[in-house]
Structures are given as structure tokens and as C-alpha cells.
PDB file of N, CA and C in Angstrom:
ATOM      1  N   MET A   1     -23.582 -20.228   1.715  1.00  0.00           N
ATOM      2  CA  MET A   1     -23.270 -20.550   0.349  1.00  0.00           C
ATOM      3  C   MET A   1     -24.014 -21.495  -0.420  1.00  0.00           C
ATOM      4  N   TYR A   2     -24.508 -21.297  -1.517  1.00  0.00           N
ATOM      5  CA  TYR A   2     -25.290 -22.157  -2.430  1.00  0.00           C
ATOM      6  C   TYR A   2     -24.452 -22.801  -3.400  1.00  0.00           C
ATOM      7  N   TYR A   3     -24.743 -24.017  -3.735  1.00  0.00           N
ATOM      8  CA  TYR A   3     -24.398 -24.649  -5.018  1.00  0.00           C
ATOM      9  C   TYR A   3     -25.443 -24.406  -5.978  1.00  0.00           C
ATOM     10  N   ASP A   4     -25.287 -23.618  -7.057  1.00  0.00           N
ATOM     11  CA  ASP A   4     -26.455 -23.617  -7.987  1.00  0.00           C
ATOM     12  C   ASP A   4     -27.000 -24.594  -8.647  1.00  0.00           C
ATOM     13  N   ALA A   5     -26.229 -25.767  -8.906  1.00  0.00           N
ATOM     14  CA  ALA A   5     -26.902 -26.616  -9.885  1.00  0.00           C
ATOM     15  C   ALA A   5     -27.865 -27.544  -8.921  1.00  0.00           C
ATOM     16  N   ALA A   6     -27.615 -27.628  -7.698  1.00  0.00           N
ATOM     17  CA  ALA A   6     -28.389 -28.401  -6.885  1.00  0.00           C
ATOM     18  C   ALA A   6     -29.457 -27.521  -5.710  1.00  0.00           C
ATOM     19  N   ASP A   7     -29.193 -26.243  -5.843  1.00  0.00           N
ATOM     20  CA  ASP A   7     -29.806 -25.602  -4.926  1.00  0.00           C
ATOM     21  C   ASP A   7     -29.669 -26.031  -3.494  1.00  0.00           C
ATOM     22  N   GLU A   8     -28.183 -26.325  -3.206  1.00  0.00           N
ATOM     23  CA  GLU A   8     -27.875 -27.031  -2.064  1.00  0.00           C
ATOM     24  C   GLU A   8     -27.097 -26.005  -1.078  1.00  0.00           C
ATOM     25  N   VAL A   9     -27.366 -26.013   0.232  1.00  0.00           N
ATOM     26  CA  VAL A   9     -26.640 -24.979   0.901  1.00  0.00           C
ATOM     27  C   VAL A   9     -25.385 -25.762   1.528  1.00  0.00           C
ATOM     28  N   LEU A  10     -24.319 -25.034   1.186  1.00  0.00           N
ATOM     29  CA  LEU A  10     -22.948 -25.561   1.600  1.00  0.00           C
ATOM     30  C   LEU A  10     -22.570 -25.007   2.745  1.00  0.00           C
ATOM     31  N   HIS A  11     -21.636 -25.779   3.678  1.00  0.00           N
ATOM     32  CA  HIS A  11     -21.041 -25.323   4.794  1.00  0.00           C
ATOM     33  C   HIS A  11     -19.605 -25.170   4.676  1.00  0.00           C
ATOM     34  N   PRO A  12     -19.063 -23.946   4.421  1.00  0.00           N
ATOM     35  CA  PRO A  12     -17.582 -23.806   4.112  1.00  0.00           C
ATOM     36  C   PRO A  12     -16.889 -23.819   5.305  1.00  0.00           C
ATOM     37  N   THR A  13     -15.574 -24.362   5.040  1.00  0.00           N
ATOM     38  CA  THR A  13     -14.609 -24.482   6.114  1.00  0.00           C
ATOM     39  C   THR A  13     -13.522 -23.534   5.831  1.00  0.00           C
ATOM     40  N   LEU A  14     -13.452 -22.877   4.521  1.00  0.00           N
ATOM     41  CA  LEU A  14     -12.356 -22.152   3.953  1.00  0.00           C
ATOM     42  C   LEU A  14     -13.052 -21.424   2.800  1.00  0.00           C
ATOM     43  N   VAL A  15     -12.943 -20.063   2.699  1.00  0.00           N
ATOM     44  CA  VAL A  15     -13.216 -19.376   1.390  1.00  0.00           C
ATOM     45  C   VAL A  15     -12.123 -18.468   0.950  1.00  0.00           C
ATOM     46  N   LEU A  16     -11.443 -18.721  -0.208  1.00  0.00           N
ATOM     47  CA  LEU A  16     -10.468 -17.880  -0.752  1.00  0.00           C
ATOM     48  C   LEU A  16     -11.066 -16.858  -1.772  1.00  0.00           C
ATOM     49  N   GLY A  17     -10.999 -15.732  -1.437  1.00  0.00           N
ATOM     50  CA  GLY A  17     -11.540 -14.492  -2.205  1.00  0.00           C
ATOM     51  C   GLY A  17     -10.572 -14.021  -3.272  1.00  0.00           C
ATOM     52  N   PHE A  18     -11.065 -13.861  -4.538  1.00  0.00           N
ATOM     53  CA  PHE A  18     -10.423 -13.339  -5.599  1.00  0.00           C
ATOM     54  C   PHE A  18     -11.243 -12.245  -6.292  1.00  0.00           C
ATOM     55  N   GLY A  19     -11.244 -10.965  -5.634  1.00  0.00           N
ATOM     56  CA  GLY A  19     -12.312 -10.007  -6.205  1.00  0.00           C
ATOM     57  C   GLY A  19     -13.711 -10.485  -5.955  1.00  0.00           C
ATOM     58  N   GLU A  20     -14.361 -10.531  -6.858  1.00  0.00           N
ATOM     59  CA  GLU A  20     -15.845 -11.061  -6.767  1.00  0.00           C
ATOM     60  C   GLU A  20     -15.968 -12.665  -6.832  1.00  0.00           C
ATOM     61  N   LEU A  21     -14.919 -13.357  -7.257  1.00  0.00           N
ATOM     62  CA  LEU A  21     -14.815 -14.681  -7.401  1.00  0.00           C
ATOM     63  C   LEU A  21     -14.423 -15.256  -6.059  1.00  0.00           C
ATOM     64  N   CYS A  22     -14.661 -16.555  -5.841  1.00  0.00           N
ATOM     65  CA  CYS A  22     -14.231 -17.288  -4.686  1.00  0.00           C
ATOM     66  C   CYS A  22     -14.021 -18.635  -4.941  1.00  0.00           C
ATOM     67  N   ILE A  23     -13.266 -19.276  -4.173  1.00  0.00           N
ATOM     68  CA  ILE A  23     -12.857 -20.805  -4.053  1.00  0.00           C
ATOM     69  C   ILE A  23     -13.330 -21.195  -2.716  1.00  0.00           C
ATOM     70  N   VAL A  24     -14.258 -22.080  -2.593  1.00  0.00           N
ATOM     71  CA  VAL A  24     -14.798 -22.601  -1.453  1.00  0.00           C
ATOM     72  C   VAL A  24     -14.361 -24.044  -0.975  1.00  0.00           C
ATOM     73  N   LYS A  25     -13.963 -24.363   0.040  1.00  0.00           N
ATOM     74  CA  LYS A  25     -13.692 -25.728   0.697  1.00  0.00           C
ATOM     75  C   LYS A  25     -14.826 -25.998   1.634  1.00  0.00           C
ATOM     76  N   VAL A  26     -15.513 -27.120   1.243  1.00  0.00           N
ATOM     77  CA  VAL A  26     -16.717 -27.536   2.226  1.00  0.00           C
ATOM     78  C   VAL A  26     -16.464 -28.614   3.033  1.00  0.00           C
ATOM     79  N   SER A  27     -16.799 -28.577   4.359  1.00  0.00           N
ATOM     80  CA  SER A  27     -16.729 -29.645   5.335  1.00  0.00           C
ATOM     81  C   SER A  27     -17.121 -31.011   4.815  1.00  0.00           C
ATOM     82  N   ASN A  28     -16.436 -31.957   5.196  1.00  0.00           N
ATOM     83  CA  ASN A  28     -16.884 -33.225   4.773  1.00  0.00           C
ATOM     84  C   ASN A  28     -16.988 -33.664   3.259  1.00  0.00           C
ATOM     85  N   ASP A  29     -16.194 -32.913   2.433  1.00  0.00           N
ATOM     86  CA  ASP A  29     -16.124 -33.007   1.048  1.00  0.00           C
ATOM     87  C   ASP A  29     -14.877 -32.777   0.462  1.00  0.00           C
ATOM     88  N   ASP A  30     -14.209 -33.449  -0.577  1.00  0.00           N
ATOM     89  CA  ASP A  30     -12.776 -33.266  -0.877  1.00  0.00           C
ATOM     90  C   ASP A  30     -12.920 -32.445  -2.045  1.00  0.00           C
ATOM     91  N   ASP A  31     -14.198 -32.086  -2.771  1.00  0.00           N
ATOM     92  CA  ASP A  31     -14.177 -31.043  -3.691  1.00  0.00           C
ATOM     93  C   ASP A  31     -13.848 -29.627  -3.478  1.00  0.00           C
ATOM     94  N   TRP A  32     -13.563 -28.864  -4.280  1.00  0.00           N
ATOM     95  CA  TRP A  32     -13.435 -27.487  -4.247  1.00  0.00           C
ATOM     96  C   TRP A  32     -14.621 -26.708  -5.126  1.00  0.00           C
ATOM     97  N   TYR A  33     -15.281 -25.710  -4.720  1.00  0.00           N
ATOM     98  CA  TYR A  33     -16.293 -25.045  -5.461  1.00  0.00           C
ATOM     99  C   TYR A  33     -15.885 -23.602  -5.792  1.00  0.00           C
ATOM    100  N   MET A  34     -16.163 -23.358  -7.020  1.00  0.00           N
ATOM    101  CA  MET A  34     -15.812 -21.779  -7.371  1.00  0.00           C
ATOM    102  C   MET A  34     -17.249 -21.048  -7.596  1.00  0.00           C
ATOM    103  N   GLY A  35     -17.386 -19.921  -7.080  1.00  0.00           N
ATOM    104  CA  GLY A  35     -18.355 -19.065  -7.382  1.00  0.00           C
ATOM    105  C   GLY A  35     -18.224 -17.572  -7.303  1.00  0.00           C
ATOM    106  N   SER A  36     -19.245 -16.791  -7.066  1.00  0.00           N
ATOM    107  CA  SER A  36     -19.081 -15.347  -7.001  1.00  0.00           C
ATOM    108  C   SER A  36     -19.598 -14.988  -5.476  1.00  0.00           C
ATOM    109  N   ARG A  37     -19.126 -13.853  -4.911  1.00  0.00           N
ATOM    110  CA  ARG A  37     -19.444 -13.466  -3.578  1.00  0.00           C
ATOM    111  C   ARG A  37     -20.513 -12.381  -3.853  1.00  0.00           C
ATOM    112  N   ASN A  38     -21.590 -12.388  -3.067  1.00  0.00           N
ATOM    113  CA  ASN A  38     -22.466 -11.352  -2.981  1.00  0.00           C
ATOM    114  C   ASN A  38     -22.180 -10.264  -1.883  1.00  0.00           C
ATOM    115  N   ASP A  39     -22.827  -9.216  -2.222  1.00  0.00           N
ATOM    116  CA  ASP A  39     -22.448  -7.976  -1.145  1.00  0.00           C
ATOM    117  C   ASP A  39     -22.579  -8.376   0.273  1.00  0.00           C
ATOM    118  N   ASP A  40     -23.650  -9.294   0.738  1.00  0.00           N
ATOM    119  CA  ASP A  40     -23.933  -9.765   1.941  1.00  0.00           C
ATOM    120  C   ASP A  40     -22.998 -10.692   2.447  1.00  0.00           C
ATOM    121  N   GLY A  41     -21.967 -11.191   1.819  1.00  0.00           N
ATOM    122  CA  GLY A  41     -21.044 -12.229   2.301  1.00  0.00           C
ATOM    123  C   GLY A  41     -21.416 -13.505   1.811  1.00  0.00           C
ATOM    124  N   SER A  42     -22.504 -13.849   1.289  1.00  0.00           N
ATOM    125  CA  SER A  42     -22.805 -15.147   0.889  1.00  0.00           C
ATOM    126  C   SER A  42     -22.309 -15.299  -0.614  1.00  0.00           C
ATOM    127  N   ALA A  43     -22.401 -16.597  -1.027  1.00  0.00           N
ATOM    128  CA  ALA A  43     -21.789 -16.855  -2.377  1.00  0.00           C
ATOM    129  C   ALA A  43     -22.761 -17.821  -3.097  1.00  0.00           C
ATOM    130  N   ILE A  44     -22.584 -17.756  -4.508  1.00  0.00           N
ATOM    131  CA  ILE A  44     -23.241 -18.809  -5.259  1.00  0.00           C
ATOM    132  C   ILE A  44     -22.114 -19.560  -6.097  1.00  0.00           C
ATOM    133  N   CYS A  45     -22.093 -20.771  -6.042  1.00  0.00           N
ATOM    134  CA  CYS A  45     -21.067 -21.547  -6.512  1.00  0.00           C
ATOM    135  C   CYS A  45     -21.805 -22.313  -7.748  1.00  0.00           C
ATOM    136  N   TRP A  46     -20.717 -22.364  -8.790  1.00  0.00           N
ATOM    137  CA  TRP A  46     -21.406 -23.086 -10.003  1.00  0.00           C
ATOM    138  C   TRP A  46     -20.459 -24.049 -10.627  1.00  0.00           C
ATOM    139  N   SER A  47     -19.209 -24.074 -10.043  1.00  0.00           N
ATOM    140  CA  SER A  47     -18.342 -25.141 -10.727  1.00  0.00           C
ATOM    141  C   SER A  47     -17.583 -25.936  -9.506  1.00  0.00           C
ATOM    142  N   ILE A  48     -17.485 -27.316  -9.835  1.00  0.00           N
ATOM    143  CA  ILE A  48     -16.702 -28.137  -8.719  1.00  0.00           C
ATOM    144  C   ILE A  48     -15.474 -28.606  -9.207  1.00  0.00           C
ATOM    145  N   TYR A  49     -14.364 -28.704  -8.596  1.00  0.00           N
ATOM    146  CA  TYR A  49     -12.977 -28.960  -8.832  1.00  0.00           C
ATOM    147  C   TYR A  49     -12.660 -30.116  -7.989  1.00  0.00           C
ATOM    148  N   ALA A  50     -11.928 -31.121  -8.535  1.00  0.00           N
ATOM    149  CA  ALA A  50     -11.380 -32.255  -7.499  1.00  0.00           C
ATOM    150  C   ALA A  50     -10.242 -31.888  -6.826  1.00  0.00           C
ATOM    151  N   ASP A  51      -9.502 -30.778  -7.013  1.00  0.00           N
ATOM    152  CA  ASP A  51      -8.337 -30.224  -6.202  1.00  0.00           C
ATOM    153  C   ASP A  51      -8.262 -28.890  -6.440  1.00  0.00           C
ATOM    154  N   LEU A  52      -7.402 -28.229  -5.374  1.00  0.00           N
ATOM    155  CA  LEU A  52      -7.283 -26.817  -5.271  1.00  0.00           C
ATOM    156  C   LEU A  52      -6.461 -26.309  -6.709  1.00  0.00           C
ATOM    157  N   TYR A  53      -5.561 -27.168  -7.170  1.00  0.00           N
ATOM    158  CA  TYR A  53      -4.817 -26.639  -8.221  1.00  0.00           C
ATOM    159  C   TYR A  53      -5.723 -26.499  -9.462  1.00  0.00           C
ATOM    160  N   GLU A  54      -6.546 -27.413  -9.651  1.00  0.00           N
ATOM    161  CA  GLU A  54      -7.586 -27.294 -10.726  1.00  0.00           C
ATOM    162  C   GLU A  54      -8.710 -25.982 -10.580  1.00  0.00           C
ATOM    163  N   ALA A  55      -8.928 -25.814  -9.309  1.00  0.00           N
ATOM    164  CA  ALA A  55      -9.801 -24.664  -9.040  1.00  0.00           C
ATOM    165  C   ALA A  55      -9.116 -23.411  -9.372  1.00  0.00           C
ATOM    166  N   LEU A  56      -7.855 -23.367  -8.968  1.00  0.00           N
ATOM    167  CA  LEU A  56      -6.987 -22.019  -9.172  1.00  0.00           C
ATOM    168  C   LEU A  56      -6.823 -21.922 -10.640  1.00  0.00           C
ATOM    169  N   ARG A  57      -6.507 -22.958 -11.358  1.00  0.00           N
ATOM    170  CA  ARG A  57      -6.435 -22.808 -12.944  1.00  0.00           C
ATOM    171  C   ARG A  57      -7.808 -22.402 -13.339  1.00  0.00           C
ATOM    172  N   GLY A  58      -8.914 -22.716 -12.853  1.00  0.00           N
ATOM    173  CA  GLY A  58     -10.310 -22.262 -13.216  1.00  0.00           C
ATOM    174  C   GLY A  58     -10.516 -20.718 -13.251  1.00  0.00           C
ATOM    175  N   LEU A  59      -9.638 -20.082 -12.406  1.00  0.00           N
ATOM    176  CA  LEU A  59     -10.021 -18.676 -12.233  1.00  0.00           C
ATOM    177  C   LEU A  59      -9.692 -17.967 -13.529  1.00  0.00           C
TER     178      LEU A  59
END
């Protein structure tokens, strides 16, 4: 998983998929990341949310 703004590799502990979109929870981080899933199972995340509720609303 990559966070686009920082070109940072993320290490997810949970990925919630919604079609091509996903919400990712990263280890050692309280934030939730939203992005799109690629065919190879990787994802590019472009938004950060403080909690799951806000991330779900962002879908």
C-alpha cells in the first residue's frame, strides 16, 4: 500500500474493500486511509481520516 502524497509504503492491518475503493487501517497509526485497489492487490491511498466514521462518509 502506498500513500500518494508522501510516496510512503504503508503496512495495513485491515483493508475494507468497496468495489475499486478501499479504506485502510495502518499499524501504529490512529488514522484511516482511503484509496483505490489495483488489480495486483496493492492500493494507492490519497486521503487520511481521523476515524472510521469520517472515512466511511468520504466514500
